Amino acid sequence: MLRTSILCAAFVAAAATSAFADDAETKAKAEAFAKSDIAQWAADPAIVAAVEAANAEHAAYDQAKIDELDAQWKSEVGAAAHPLIDSVVNAAVSAKLKEKCTGTNGLVTEMILMDNKGLNVGVCDATSDYWQGDEGKWQKTFQAGAGAVFADDVEQDESTQRFQLQTSVTVVDASGAPIGALTVGLDAEGLMAQ
């Protein structure tokens, strides 16, 4: 009986994964949501100001400094003291992002605001790393320029066991120049139900 239950659970998970994996319709809906809602969030003056401030603060950081900070962040995950993580999680812009996360009835599962180096500026919840610059969410938006939208593949979130996809947009300043990126995790089932 237990083996049957395990096999059924594995089959259901595999079926759900195949229903969303590389699903063009899901990605198209995510991109449409990014161009409407997420782009508006990224244009919020408080979000733009926070990214501009981070860009100024981090202007002199080279890759060695970024790697050092990323290692520090990773070592703080699950630790008793986490000053670097706290500096981002408790930032005023993170409170603004948390409002967006909680105000969408579960559609938005996470938000990550990044500067022009791919470093976290604000988050809904702590991420596993501080530097996103080596990932598509930053490379395919900030590096692609103003107006860029990137919808990643649907994946099962280990902590929530929900299927989600990350959708990212470029954050621009008042002149329209790229200054950072905003990534929003979307619940795939909720997105498809819209």
Protein backbone atom coordinates (compact mmCIF):
# COMPACT_ATOMS: atom_id res chain seq x y z
CA MET A 1 0.00 0.00 0.00
CA LEU A 2 2.78 2.44 0.94
CA ARG A 3 4.67 1.60 -2.26
CA THR A 4 1.53 2.25 -4.31
CA SER A 5 1.06 5.62 -2.60
CA ILE A 6 4.66 6.59 -3.28
CA LEU A 7 4.36 5.54 -6.91
CA CYS A 8 1.11 7.50 -7.31
CA ALA A 9 2.68 10.59 -5.75
CA ALA A 10 5.69 10.29 -8.06
CA PHE A 11 3.40 9.89 -11.09
CA VAL A 12 1.33 12.94 -10.14
CA ALA A 13 4.49 15.02 -9.63
CA ALA A 14 5.91 13.87 -12.97
CA ALA A 15 2.63 14.61 -14.74
CA ALA A 16 2.45 18.07 -13.21
CA THR A 17 6.07 18.76 -14.15
CA SER A 18 5.50 17.71 -17.75
CA ALA A 19 2.34 19.85 -17.88
CA PHE A 20 4.40 22.97 -17.16
CA ALA A 21 7.91 22.12 -18.38
CA ASP A 22 8.82 24.42 -21.26
CA ASP A 23 5.14 25.28 -21.61
CA ALA A 24 4.97 28.07 -24.17
CA GLU A 25 1.50 29.16 -23.03
CA THR A 26 2.63 29.52 -19.40
CA LYS A 27 5.68 31.54 -20.45
CA ALA A 28 3.55 33.71 -22.73
CA LYS A 29 1.16 34.48 -19.86
CA ALA A 30 4.13 35.25 -17.59
CA GLU A 31 5.61 37.60 -20.17
CA ALA A 32 2.27 39.37 -20.60
CA PHE A 33 2.00 39.75 -16.81
CA ALA A 34 5.57 41.11 -16.76
CA LYS A 35 4.82 43.70 -19.43
CA SER A 36 1.73 44.92 -17.59
CA ASP A 37 2.04 44.50 -13.82
CA ILE A 38 5.73 43.77 -13.16
CA ALA A 39 6.93 46.58 -15.43
CA GLN A 40 4.75 49.02 -13.46
CA TRP A 41 6.19 47.75 -10.18
CA ALA A 42 9.73 48.16 -11.55
CA ALA A 43 8.93 51.77 -12.47
CA ASP A 44 7.84 52.66 -8.93
CA PRO A 45 9.95 55.67 -7.86
CA ALA A 46 10.85 53.99 -4.54
CA ILE A 47 12.16 50.92 -6.37
CA VAL A 48 14.12 53.02 -8.87
CA ALA A 49 15.58 55.13 -6.05
CA ALA A 50 16.63 52.03 -4.08
CA VAL A 51 18.44 50.59 -7.12
CA GLU A 52 20.12 53.92 -7.85
CA ALA A 53 21.32 54.13 -4.23
CA ALA A 54 22.66 50.56 -4.36
CA ASN A 55 24.44 51.28 -7.65
CA ALA A 56 26.17 54.25 -6.04
CA GLU A 57 27.06 52.26 -2.91
CA HIS A 58 28.41 49.29 -4.89
CA ALA A 59 30.12 51.26 -7.67
CA ALA A 60 33.66 50.34 -6.59
CA TYR A 61 32.94 46.63 -6.04
CA ASP A 62 35.03 44.34 -8.22
CA GLN A 63 34.34 40.64 -8.77
CA ALA A 64 36.49 39.66 -5.78
CA LYS A 65 34.38 41.87 -3.47
CA ILE A 66 31.16 40.51 -4.99
CA ASP A 67 32.35 36.93 -4.46
CA GLU A 68 33.32 37.76 -0.86
CA LEU A 69 29.88 39.20 -0.13
CA ASP A 70 28.13 36.31 -1.85
CA ALA A 71 30.11 33.85 0.28
CA GLN A 72 29.23 35.85 3.40
CA TRP A 73 25.52 35.78 2.50
CA LYS A 74 25.60 32.02 1.91
CA SER A 75 27.34 31.47 5.25
CA GLU A 76 24.65 33.54 7.00
CA VAL A 77 21.76 31.46 5.63
CA GLY A 78 20.49 29.48 8.62
CA ALA A 79 23.06 31.06 10.97
CA ALA A 80 22.15 32.75 14.26
CA ALA A 81 23.55 36.09 13.11
CA HIS A 82 22.99 37.37 9.58
CA PRO A 83 23.85 41.07 9.27
CA LEU A 84 24.23 41.13 5.49
CA ILE A 85 20.96 39.29 4.92
CA ASP A 86 19.23 41.52 7.48
CA SER A 87 20.49 44.65 5.72
CA VAL A 88 18.56 43.59 2.61
CA VAL A 89 15.55 41.86 4.17
CA ASN A 90 14.92 44.82 6.49
CA ALA A 91 15.45 47.51 3.84
CA ALA A 92 12.53 49.86 3.17
CA VAL A 93 12.32 48.65 -0.43
CA SER A 94 11.95 45.05 0.81
CA ALA A 95 8.86 46.11 2.76
CA LYS A 96 7.44 47.51 -0.49
CA LEU A 97 8.19 44.22 -2.27
CA LYS A 98 6.57 42.22 0.55
CA GLU A 99 3.39 44.27 0.07
CA LYS A 100 3.32 43.15 -3.58
CA CYS A 101 3.99 39.53 -2.61
CA THR A 102 1.14 39.43 -0.12
CA GLY A 103 -1.27 41.50 -2.19
CA THR A 104 -1.68 39.07 -5.08
CA ASN A 105 -3.60 36.20 -3.43
CA GLY A 106 -0.69 33.78 -3.83
CA LEU A 107 0.10 34.53 -7.47
CA VAL A 108 3.43 36.19 -6.57
CA THR A 109 5.63 33.79 -4.63
CA GLU A 110 8.84 35.84 -4.41
CA MET A 111 10.47 39.08 -5.54
CA ILE A 112 14.14 39.92 -5.95
CA LEU A 113 15.32 43.44 -6.80
CA MET A 114 18.88 43.65 -8.15
CA ASP A 115 21.34 46.43 -8.90
CA ASN A 116 23.59 46.89 -11.95
CA LYS A 117 26.02 44.26 -10.63
CA GLY A 118 23.33 41.67 -9.93
CA LEU A 119 23.45 42.13 -6.14
CA ASN A 120 20.28 41.91 -4.05
CA VAL A 121 18.80 45.31 -3.23
CA GLY A 122 15.45 44.10 -1.86
CA VAL A 123 13.61 40.79 -1.42
CA CYS A 124 10.33 39.44 -0.11
CA ASP A 125 12.20 36.64 1.65
CA ALA A 126 15.90 35.86 1.98
CA THR A 127 17.40 34.23 -1.10
CA SER A 128 20.01 31.46 -1.08
CA ASP A 129 22.63 33.82 -2.53
CA TYR A 130 23.41 37.54 -2.67
CA TRP A 131 24.74 37.75 -6.21
CA GLN A 132 22.31 37.03 -9.07
CA GLY A 133 24.66 38.37 -11.77
CA ASP A 134 25.61 34.88 -12.91
CA GLU A 135 21.98 33.93 -13.58
CA GLY A 136 19.58 34.43 -16.48
CA LYS A 137 17.20 36.53 -14.39
CA TRP A 138 19.79 39.34 -14.42
CA GLN A 139 21.77 38.56 -17.58
CA LYS A 140 18.70 38.37 -19.83
CA THR A 141 17.17 41.58 -18.51
CA PHE A 142 19.67 44.14 -17.23
CA GLN A 143 22.32 43.12 -19.76
CA ALA A 144 19.71 42.98 -22.54
CA GLY A 145 18.66 46.60 -21.94
CA ALA A 146 15.49 48.57 -21.38
CA GLY A 147 12.23 46.75 -22.07
CA ALA A 148 13.75 43.27 -21.71
CA VAL A 149 11.52 40.54 -20.27
CA PHE A 150 12.69 37.04 -19.39
CA ALA A 151 10.44 34.16 -18.30
CA ASP A 152 12.40 31.18 -17.01
CA ASP A 153 11.27 27.55 -17.03
CA VAL A 154 8.61 26.31 -14.62
CA GLU A 155 10.15 24.51 -11.66
CA GLN A 156 8.84 22.93 -8.49
CA ASP A 157 9.78 25.01 -5.45
CA GLU A 158 11.32 22.70 -2.86
CA SER A 159 10.02 24.61 0.14
CA THR A 160 6.42 25.18 -1.01
CA GLN A 161 6.05 22.19 -3.36
CA ARG A 162 4.33 24.57 -5.78
CA PHE A 163 5.17 24.97 -9.44
CA GLN A 164 6.46 28.43 -10.20
CA LEU A 165 8.42 30.35 -12.77
CA GLN A 166 10.58 33.41 -12.36
CA THR A 167 9.78 36.32 -14.64
CA SER A 168 12.16 39.25 -14.80
CA VAL A 169 12.21 42.77 -16.22
CA THR A 170 14.85 45.47 -16.53
CA VAL A 171 14.61 48.38 -14.08
CA VAL A 172 15.35 51.72 -15.78
CA ASP A 173 16.01 55.24 -14.51
CA ALA A 174 14.16 58.42 -15.50
CA SER A 175 16.18 58.64 -18.73
CA GLY A 176 15.27 55.06 -19.70
CA ALA A 177 18.77 53.68 -19.05
CA PRO A 178 18.99 50.19 -17.49
CA ILE A 179 20.00 50.32 -13.82
CA GLY A 180 18.99 46.90 -12.47
CA ALA A 181 16.44 44.11 -12.67
CA LEU A 182 13.34 42.87 -10.87
CA THR A 183 12.51 39.18 -10.69
CA VAL A 184 9.07 37.98 -9.66
CA GLY A 185 8.25 34.36 -8.89
CA LEU A 186 4.80 33.44 -10.18
CA ASP A 187 2.68 30.47 -9.15
CA ALA A 188 2.24 28.60 -12.44
CA GLU A 189 -1.19 27.18 -11.66
CA GLY A 190 -2.47 30.56 -10.45
CA LEU A 191 -1.10 32.24 -13.55
CA MET A 192 -2.80 29.76 -15.87
CA ALA A 193 -6.10 30.19 -14.00
CA GLN A 194 -6.16 33.91 -14.79
